[in-house]
Amino acid sequence: MIFCGVEIDDPRELPVSERDYREFNEGVRTKVRELWVYSYKSDSKRVWCEKVPLTMTNRGVCTFDGRQVKDEADKKMIADLINGHKRQ
């Protein structure tokens, strides 16, 4: 699947291990949920795979690989992926 212009493995199709998901508090009132997914990148000589985090706070702020996501469709996708993993 393509997400924020980067190809990632769809966590809905491939199971994500429990160690790739966590919840933690950032400050007193902010709760963060984090899901690590596999991302594929390439240049002229190689293709490589790396893990990148998707995060979502209880205040609605979402990030992908450390950068804040502004697109509403991408924010909804992060929420769906994280909420879908939590139910498993």
Protein backbone atom coordinates (compact mmCIF):
# COMPACT_ATOMS: atom_id res chain seq x y z
CA MET A 1 0.00 0.00 0.00
CA ILE A 2 1.15 3.56 -0.66
CA PHE A 3 0.96 5.85 2.35
CA CYS A 4 2.21 9.47 2.35
CA GLY A 5 4.01 8.70 -0.91
CA VAL A 6 5.93 5.75 0.58
CA GLU A 7 5.23 2.06 -0.01
CA ILE A 8 4.52 0.11 3.20
CA ASP A 9 3.32 -3.39 4.03
CA ASP A 10 -0.38 -3.29 4.82
CA PRO A 11 -0.63 -4.16 8.55
CA ARG A 12 -4.19 -5.40 7.96
CA GLU A 13 -2.92 -8.19 5.69
CA LEU A 14 0.33 -9.11 7.45
CA PRO A 15 0.07 -9.55 11.21
CA VAL A 16 2.07 -7.07 13.28
CA SER A 17 3.74 -8.49 16.38
CA GLU A 18 2.89 -7.16 19.81
CA ARG A 19 6.38 -5.69 20.18
CA ASP A 20 5.65 -3.40 17.20
CA TYR A 21 2.73 -1.74 19.03
CA ARG A 22 2.82 0.29 22.22
CA GLU A 23 0.89 2.89 24.17
CA PHE A 24 2.56 5.45 26.39
CA ASN A 25 1.95 8.79 28.06
CA GLU A 26 3.68 11.90 26.81
CA GLY A 27 3.19 14.39 29.58
CA VAL A 28 0.23 14.42 31.91
CA ARG A 29 -2.68 14.58 29.45
CA THR A 30 -1.35 13.18 26.20
CA LYS A 31 -1.59 9.47 25.42
CA VAL A 32 0.29 8.18 22.37
CA ARG A 33 -0.35 4.98 20.41
CA GLU A 34 2.49 3.84 18.17
CA LEU A 35 2.58 1.15 15.46
CA TRP A 36 5.76 0.25 13.57
CA VAL A 37 5.33 -0.79 9.92
CA TYR A 38 7.73 -1.92 7.20
CA SER A 39 8.59 0.70 4.60
CA TYR A 40 10.30 0.10 1.27
CA LYS A 41 12.70 2.63 -0.21
CA SER A 42 14.92 2.51 -3.25
CA ASP A 43 17.61 4.34 -5.15
CA SER A 44 19.32 3.58 -8.46
CA LYS A 45 21.30 0.63 -7.04
CA ARG A 46 19.21 -1.00 -4.33
CA VAL A 47 15.88 -1.51 -2.61
CA TRP A 48 15.75 -1.77 1.17
CA CYS A 49 13.23 -2.29 3.91
CA GLU A 50 13.09 -0.38 7.18
CA LYS A 51 10.67 -0.04 10.05
CA VAL A 52 9.00 3.33 10.54
CA PRO A 53 6.54 4.42 13.24
CA LEU A 54 2.96 5.56 12.78
CA THR A 55 1.79 7.48 15.85
CA MET A 56 -1.53 8.93 16.94
CA THR A 57 -2.25 10.95 20.08
CA ASN A 58 -5.53 11.29 21.91
CA ARG A 59 -5.53 14.91 20.69
CA GLY A 60 -5.66 13.85 17.04
CA VAL A 61 -2.05 14.54 16.05
CA CYS A 62 -0.66 11.85 13.72
CA THR A 63 2.90 11.31 12.53
CA PHE A 64 4.55 9.07 9.96
CA ASP A 65 8.29 8.48 10.31
CA GLY A 66 8.57 11.43 12.70
CA ARG A 67 6.81 13.94 10.41
CA GLN A 68 3.37 15.30 11.18
CA VAL A 69 0.64 14.17 8.78
CA LYS A 70 -1.62 16.99 7.54
CA ASP A 71 -3.77 15.15 4.97
CA GLU A 72 -7.11 14.12 6.48
CA ALA A 73 -7.31 10.89 4.44
CA ASP A 74 -3.88 9.83 5.72
CA LYS A 75 -4.89 10.69 9.30
CA LYS A 76 -7.98 8.52 8.93
CA MET A 77 -5.83 5.69 7.57
CA ILE A 78 -3.48 5.91 10.58
CA ALA A 79 -6.45 5.83 12.94
CA ASP A 80 -7.92 2.80 11.13
CA LEU A 81 -4.61 0.92 11.16
CA ILE A 82 -3.91 1.60 14.85
CA ASN A 83 -7.49 0.92 15.96
CA GLY A 84 -7.58 -2.24 13.84
CA HIS A 85 -4.41 -3.53 15.46
CA LYS A 86 -5.62 -2.75 18.97
CA ARG A 87 -8.70 -4.98 18.53
CA GLN A 88 -6.63 -8.06 17.58
